[in-house]
Amino acid sequence: MAVPKKKVSSARRDKRRSNNSKLTLPGMVKCSNPACGETIRPHCVCKVCGYYNGKKVLNVKEEA
């Protein structure tokens, strides 16, 4: 059975563990509505105008 010869230093241990915590944002794309142009997550309905794939699918209330 394999047994470590020496104690792993905290710096080395933390360097190894830090690679799992790197979070990345999902890629953002522009809204398919040319009048809107808001950046949204891909394959999602735009919350500003309600467009998806060039078609209006949601009725969004406009705040005045």
PDB file of N, CA and C in Angstrom:
ATOM      1  N   MET A   1       0.842  -1.178   0.000  1.00  0.00           N
ATOM      2  CA  MET A   1       0.000   0.000   0.000  1.00  0.00           C
ATOM      3  C   MET A   1       0.891   1.248   0.000  1.00  0.00           C
ATOM      4  N   ALA A   2       0.560   2.231  -0.817  1.00  0.00           N
ATOM      5  CA  ALA A   2       1.375   3.436  -0.932  1.00  0.00           C
ATOM      6  C   ALA A   2       1.152   4.350   0.260  1.00  0.00           C
ATOM      7  N   VAL A   3       2.256   4.802   0.837  1.00  0.00           N
ATOM      8  CA  VAL A   3       2.206   5.709   1.975  1.00  0.00           C
ATOM      9  C   VAL A   3       3.101   6.896   1.654  1.00  0.00           C
ATOM     10  N   PRO A   4       2.633   8.129   1.854  1.00  0.00           N
ATOM     11  CA  PRO A   4       3.476   9.286   1.564  1.00  0.00           C
ATOM     12  C   PRO A   4       4.703   9.336   2.481  1.00  0.00           C
ATOM     13  N   LYS A   5       5.857   9.696   1.911  1.00  0.00           N
ATOM     14  CA  LYS A   5       7.082   9.758   2.706  1.00  0.00           C
ATOM     15  C   LYS A   5       7.134  11.005   3.576  1.00  0.00           C
ATOM     16  N   LYS A   6       6.615  12.133   3.041  1.00  0.00           N
ATOM     17  CA  LYS A   6       6.691  13.384   3.777  1.00  0.00           C
ATOM     18  C   LYS A   6       5.338  14.076   3.767  1.00  0.00           C
ATOM     19  N   LYS A   7       5.177  14.979   4.722  1.00  0.00           N
ATOM     20  CA  LYS A   7       3.947  15.756   4.816  1.00  0.00           C
ATOM     21  C   LYS A   7       3.857  16.703   3.627  1.00  0.00           C
ATOM     22  N   VAL A   8       2.662  16.818   3.043  1.00  0.00           N
ATOM     23  CA  VAL A   8       2.439  17.761   1.954  1.00  0.00           C
ATOM     24  C   VAL A   8       2.229  19.136   2.571  1.00  0.00           C
ATOM     25  N   SER A   9       3.026  20.106   2.128  1.00  0.00           N
ATOM     26  CA  SER A   9       2.926  21.442   2.706  1.00  0.00           C
ATOM     27  C   SER A   9       1.572  22.064   2.373  1.00  0.00           C
ATOM     28  N   SER A  10       1.164  23.015   3.205  1.00  0.00           N
ATOM     29  CA  SER A  10      -0.146  23.636   2.994  1.00  0.00           C
ATOM     30  C   SER A  10      -0.181  24.422   1.691  1.00  0.00           C
ATOM     31  N   ALA A  11       0.945  25.017   1.300  1.00  0.00           N
ATOM     32  CA  ALA A  11       0.983  25.768   0.044  1.00  0.00           C
ATOM     33  C   ALA A  11       0.778  24.840  -1.151  1.00  0.00           C
ATOM     34  N   ARG A  12       1.452  23.695  -1.135  1.00  0.00           N
ATOM     35  CA  ARG A  12       1.304  22.733  -2.229  1.00  0.00           C
ATOM     36  C   ARG A  12      -0.112  22.163  -2.261  1.00  0.00           C
ATOM     37  N   ARG A  13      -0.648  21.868  -1.094  1.00  0.00           N
ATOM     38  CA  ARG A  13      -2.012  21.340  -1.003  1.00  0.00           C
ATOM     39  C   ARG A  13      -3.025  22.353  -1.532  1.00  0.00           C
ATOM     40  N   ASP A  14      -2.870  23.615  -1.138  1.00  0.00           N
ATOM     41  CA  ASP A  14      -3.813  24.647  -1.555  1.00  0.00           C
ATOM     42  C   ASP A  14      -3.708  24.941  -3.046  1.00  0.00           C
ATOM     43  N   LYS A  15      -2.495  24.852  -3.613  1.00  0.00           N
ATOM     44  CA  LYS A  15      -2.337  25.035  -5.061  1.00  0.00           C
ATOM     45  C   LYS A  15      -3.088  23.949  -5.822  1.00  0.00           C
ATOM     46  N   ARG A  16      -3.026  22.744  -5.329  1.00  0.00           N
ATOM     47  CA  ARG A  16      -3.706  21.629  -5.982  1.00  0.00           C
ATOM     48  C   ARG A  16      -5.224  21.790  -5.884  1.00  0.00           C
ATOM     49  N   ARG A  17      -5.702  22.225  -4.755  1.00  0.00           N
ATOM     50  CA  ARG A  17      -7.148  22.359  -4.548  1.00  0.00           C
ATOM     51  C   ARG A  17      -7.742  23.561  -5.256  1.00  0.00           C
ATOM     52  N   SER A  18      -6.946  24.584  -5.520  1.00  0.00           N
ATOM     53  CA  SER A  18      -7.480  25.824  -6.091  1.00  0.00           C
ATOM     54  C   SER A  18      -7.945  25.647  -7.534  1.00  0.00           C
ATOM     55  N   ASN A  19      -7.458  24.620  -8.235  1.00  0.00           N
ATOM     56  CA  ASN A  19      -7.846  24.441  -9.628  1.00  0.00           C
ATOM     57  C   ASN A  19      -9.306  24.074  -9.782  1.00  0.00           C
ATOM     58  N   ASN A  20      -9.913  23.476  -8.761  1.00  0.00           N
ATOM     59  CA  ASN A  20     -11.309  23.075  -8.851  1.00  0.00           C
ATOM     60  C   ASN A  20     -12.259  24.234  -8.633  1.00  0.00           C
ATOM     61  N   SER A  21     -11.798  25.302  -8.031  1.00  0.00           N
ATOM     62  CA  SER A  21     -12.688  26.398  -7.676  1.00  0.00           C
ATOM     63  C   SER A  21     -12.730  27.500  -8.723  1.00  0.00           C
ATOM     64  N   LYS A  22     -12.046  27.323  -9.844  1.00  0.00           N
ATOM     65  CA  LYS A  22     -12.063  28.351 -10.873  1.00  0.00           C
ATOM     66  C   LYS A  22     -13.388  28.286 -11.616  1.00  0.00           C
ATOM     67  N   LEU A  23     -14.217  29.279 -11.432  1.00  0.00           N
ATOM     68  CA  LEU A  23     -15.524  29.323 -12.071  1.00  0.00           C
ATOM     69  C   LEU A  23     -15.463  30.223 -13.292  1.00  0.00           C
ATOM     70  N   THR A  24     -16.149  29.832 -14.343  1.00  0.00           N
ATOM     71  CA  THR A  24     -16.198  30.651 -15.540  1.00  0.00           C
ATOM     72  C   THR A  24     -17.645  31.002 -15.846  1.00  0.00           C
ATOM     73  N   LEU A  25     -17.832  32.165 -16.387  1.00  0.00           N
ATOM     74  CA  LEU A  25     -19.169  32.591 -16.793  1.00  0.00           C
ATOM     75  C   LEU A  25     -19.561  31.901 -18.087  1.00  0.00           C
ATOM     76  N   PRO A  26     -20.832  31.620 -18.259  1.00  0.00           N
ATOM     77  CA  PRO A  26     -21.246  31.062 -19.540  1.00  0.00           C
ATOM     78  C   PRO A  26     -21.070  32.099 -20.639  1.00  0.00           C
ATOM     79  N   GLY A  27     -20.863  31.648 -21.864  1.00  0.00           N
ATOM     80  CA  GLY A  27     -20.691  32.569 -22.974  1.00  0.00           C
ATOM     81  C   GLY A  27     -21.927  33.413 -23.174  1.00  0.00           C
ATOM     82  N   MET A  28     -21.745  34.678 -23.432  1.00  0.00           N
ATOM     83  CA  MET A  28     -22.870  35.578 -23.625  1.00  0.00           C
ATOM     84  C   MET A  28     -22.989  35.922 -25.104  1.00  0.00           C
ATOM     85  N   VAL A  29     -24.225  36.047 -25.588  1.00  0.00           N
ATOM     86  CA  VAL A  29     -24.494  36.396 -26.974  1.00  0.00           C
ATOM     87  C   VAL A  29     -25.443  37.572 -27.006  1.00  0.00           C
ATOM     88  N   LYS A  30     -25.538  38.218 -28.172  1.00  0.00           N
ATOM     89  CA  LYS A  30     -26.465  39.335 -28.319  1.00  0.00           C
ATOM     90  C   LYS A  30     -27.868  38.819 -28.597  1.00  0.00           C
ATOM     91  N   CYS A  31     -28.851  39.568 -28.180  1.00  0.00           N
ATOM     92  CA  CYS A  31     -30.260  39.226 -28.401  1.00  0.00           C
ATOM     93  C   CYS A  31     -30.542  39.211 -29.893  1.00  0.00           C
ATOM     94  N   SER A  32     -31.438  38.299 -30.318  1.00  0.00           N
ATOM     95  CA  SER A  32     -31.747  38.174 -31.738  1.00  0.00           C
ATOM     96  C   SER A  32     -32.628  39.314 -32.250  1.00  0.00           C
ATOM     97  N   ASN A  33     -33.212  40.088 -31.349  1.00  0.00           N
ATOM     98  CA  ASN A  33     -34.005  41.250 -31.736  1.00  0.00           C
ATOM     99  C   ASN A  33     -33.054  42.399 -32.056  1.00  0.00           C
ATOM    100  N   PRO A  34     -33.040  42.882 -33.314  1.00  0.00           N
ATOM    101  CA  PRO A  34     -32.086  43.946 -33.651  1.00  0.00           C
ATOM    102  C   PRO A  34     -32.332  45.243 -32.894  1.00  0.00           C
ATOM    103  N   ALA A  35     -33.550  45.477 -32.460  1.00  0.00           N
ATOM    104  CA  ALA A  35     -33.845  46.700 -31.719  1.00  0.00           C
ATOM    105  C   ALA A  35     -33.347  46.631 -30.281  1.00  0.00           C
ATOM    106  N   CYS A  36     -33.194  45.423 -29.756  1.00  0.00           N
ATOM    107  CA  CYS A  36     -32.797  45.249 -28.351  1.00  0.00           C
ATOM    108  C   CYS A  36     -31.272  45.253 -28.210  1.00  0.00           C
ATOM    109  N   GLY A  37     -30.596  44.237 -28.743  1.00  0.00           N
ATOM    110  CA  GLY A  37     -29.140  44.160 -28.672  1.00  0.00           C
ATOM    111  C   GLY A  37     -28.583  43.873 -27.294  1.00  0.00           C
ATOM    112  N   GLU A  38     -29.403  43.430 -26.349  1.00  0.00           N
ATOM    113  CA  GLU A  38     -28.968  43.107 -24.994  1.00  0.00           C
ATOM    114  C   GLU A  38     -28.144  41.820 -25.010  1.00  0.00           C
ATOM    115  N   THR A  39     -27.152  41.696 -24.125  1.00  0.00           N
ATOM    116  CA  THR A  39     -26.388  40.461 -24.041  1.00  0.00           C
ATOM    117  C   THR A  39     -27.138  39.488 -23.137  1.00  0.00           C
ATOM    118  N   ILE A  40     -27.327  38.245 -23.618  1.00  0.00           N
ATOM    119  CA  ILE A  40     -28.063  37.225 -22.886  1.00  0.00           C
ATOM    120  C   ILE A  40     -27.294  35.919 -22.937  1.00  0.00           C
ATOM    121  N   ARG A  41     -27.696  34.951 -22.128  1.00  0.00           N
ATOM    122  CA  ARG A  41     -27.114  33.619 -22.199  1.00  0.00           C
ATOM    123  C   ARG A  41     -27.642  32.927 -23.442  1.00  0.00           C
ATOM    124  N   PRO A  42     -26.839  32.058 -24.072  1.00  0.00           N
ATOM    125  CA  PRO A  42     -27.302  31.392 -25.284  1.00  0.00           C
ATOM    126  C   PRO A  42     -28.460  30.443 -25.000  1.00  0.00           C
ATOM    127  N   HIS A  43     -29.353  30.292 -25.969  1.00  0.00           N
ATOM    128  CA  HIS A  43     -30.520  29.402 -25.897  1.00  0.00           C
ATOM    129  C   HIS A  43     -31.478  29.797 -24.797  1.00  0.00           C
ATOM    130  N   CYS A  44     -31.563  31.095 -24.474  1.00  0.00           N
ATOM    131  CA  CYS A  44     -32.476  31.585 -23.448  1.00  0.00           C
ATOM    132  C   CYS A  44     -33.271  32.751 -24.004  1.00  0.00           C
ATOM    133  N   VAL A  45     -34.452  32.941 -23.471  1.00  0.00           N
ATOM    134  CA  VAL A  45     -35.308  34.053 -23.878  1.00  0.00           C
ATOM    135  C   VAL A  45     -34.742  35.339 -23.290  1.00  0.00           C
ATOM    136  N   CYS A  46     -34.771  36.409 -24.078  1.00  0.00           N
ATOM    137  CA  CYS A  46     -34.303  37.720 -23.613  1.00  0.00           C
ATOM    138  C   CYS A  46     -35.309  38.251 -22.594  1.00  0.00           C
ATOM    139  N   LYS A  47     -34.835  38.635 -21.404  1.00  0.00           N
ATOM    140  CA  LYS A  47     -35.717  39.142 -20.364  1.00  0.00           C
ATOM    141  C   LYS A  47     -36.145  40.579 -20.618  1.00  0.00           C
ATOM    142  N   VAL A  48     -35.415  41.277 -21.488  1.00  0.00           N
ATOM    143  CA  VAL A  48     -35.720  42.679 -21.744  1.00  0.00           C
ATOM    144  C   VAL A  48     -36.847  42.817 -22.756  1.00  0.00           C
ATOM    145  N   CYS A  49     -36.758  42.053 -23.875  1.00  0.00           N
ATOM    146  CA  CYS A  49     -37.751  42.222 -24.936  1.00  0.00           C
ATOM    147  C   CYS A  49     -38.629  40.987 -25.160  1.00  0.00           C
ATOM    148  N   GLY A  50     -38.228  39.816 -24.661  1.00  0.00           N
ATOM    149  CA  GLY A  50     -39.044  38.615 -24.801  1.00  0.00           C
ATOM    150  C   GLY A  50     -38.843  37.865 -26.101  1.00  0.00           C
ATOM    151  N   TYR A  51     -37.753  38.131 -26.816  1.00  0.00           N
ATOM    152  CA  TYR A  51     -37.495  37.452 -28.087  1.00  0.00           C
ATOM    153  C   TYR A  51     -36.635  36.212 -27.873  1.00  0.00           C
ATOM    154  N   TYR A  52     -36.883  35.185 -28.705  1.00  0.00           N
ATOM    155  CA  TYR A  52     -36.046  33.989 -28.741  1.00  0.00           C
ATOM    156  C   TYR A  52     -35.961  33.531 -30.182  1.00  0.00           C
ATOM    157  N   ASN A  53     -34.771  33.401 -30.696  1.00  0.00           N
ATOM    158  CA  ASN A  53     -34.528  32.927 -32.065  1.00  0.00           C
ATOM    159  C   ASN A  53     -35.260  33.781 -33.102  1.00  0.00           C
ATOM    160  N   GLY A  54     -35.290  35.089 -32.865  1.00  0.00           N
ATOM    161  CA  GLY A  54     -35.895  36.014 -33.817  1.00  0.00           C
ATOM    162  C   GLY A  54     -37.402  36.109 -33.739  1.00  0.00           C
ATOM    163  N   LYS A  55     -38.032  35.445 -32.784  1.00  0.00           N
ATOM    164  CA  LYS A  55     -39.491  35.470 -32.649  1.00  0.00           C
ATOM    165  C   LYS A  55     -39.866  35.919 -31.255  1.00  0.00           C
ATOM    166  N   LYS A  56     -40.970  36.662 -31.155  1.00  0.00           N
ATOM    167  CA  LYS A  56     -41.455  37.115 -29.846  1.00  0.00           C
ATOM    168  C   LYS A  56     -42.201  35.975 -29.180  1.00  0.00           C
ATOM    169  N   VAL A  57     -41.729  35.541 -28.016  1.00  0.00           N
ATOM    170  CA  VAL A  57     -42.352  34.426 -27.302  1.00  0.00           C
ATOM    171  C   VAL A  57     -42.899  34.818 -25.941  1.00  0.00           C
ATOM    172  N   LEU A  58     -42.487  35.964 -25.403  1.00  0.00           N
ATOM    173  CA  LEU A  58     -42.971  36.434 -24.112  1.00  0.00           C
ATOM    174  C   LEU A  58     -43.494  37.859 -24.224  1.00  0.00           C
ATOM    175  N   ASN A  59     -44.560  38.145 -23.496  1.00  0.00           N
ATOM    176  CA  ASN A  59     -45.025  39.514 -23.405  1.00  0.00           C
ATOM    177  C   ASN A  59     -44.379  40.133 -22.161  1.00  0.00           C
ATOM    178  N   VAL A  60     -43.491  41.088 -22.378  1.00  0.00           N
ATOM    179  CA  VAL A  60     -42.749  41.710 -21.289  1.00  0.00           C
ATOM    180  C   VAL A  60     -43.367  43.067 -21.013  1.00  0.00           C
ATOM    181  N   LYS A  61     -43.657  43.325 -19.745  1.00  0.00           N
ATOM    182  CA  LYS A  61     -44.207  44.625 -19.367  1.00  0.00           C
ATOM    183  C   LYS A  61     -43.107  45.664 -19.385  1.00  0.00           C
ATOM    184  N   GLU A  62     -43.395  46.801 -19.995  1.00  0.00           N
ATOM    185  CA  GLU A  62     -42.416  47.888 -20.059  1.00  0.00           C
ATOM    186  C   GLU A  62     -42.595  48.773 -18.837  1.00  0.00           C
ATOM    187  N   GLU A  63     -41.483  49.059 -18.153  1.00  0.00           N
ATOM    188  CA  GLU A  63     -41.521  49.946 -16.992  1.00  0.00           C
ATOM    189  C   GLU A  63     -41.328  51.371 -17.462  1.00  0.00           C
ATOM    190  N   ALA A  64     -42.188  52.254 -16.966  1.00  0.00           N
ATOM    191  CA  ALA A  64     -42.113  53.653 -17.392  1.00  0.00           C
ATOM    192  C   ALA A  64     -41.479  54.505 -16.327  1.00  0.00           C
TER     193      ALA A  64
END
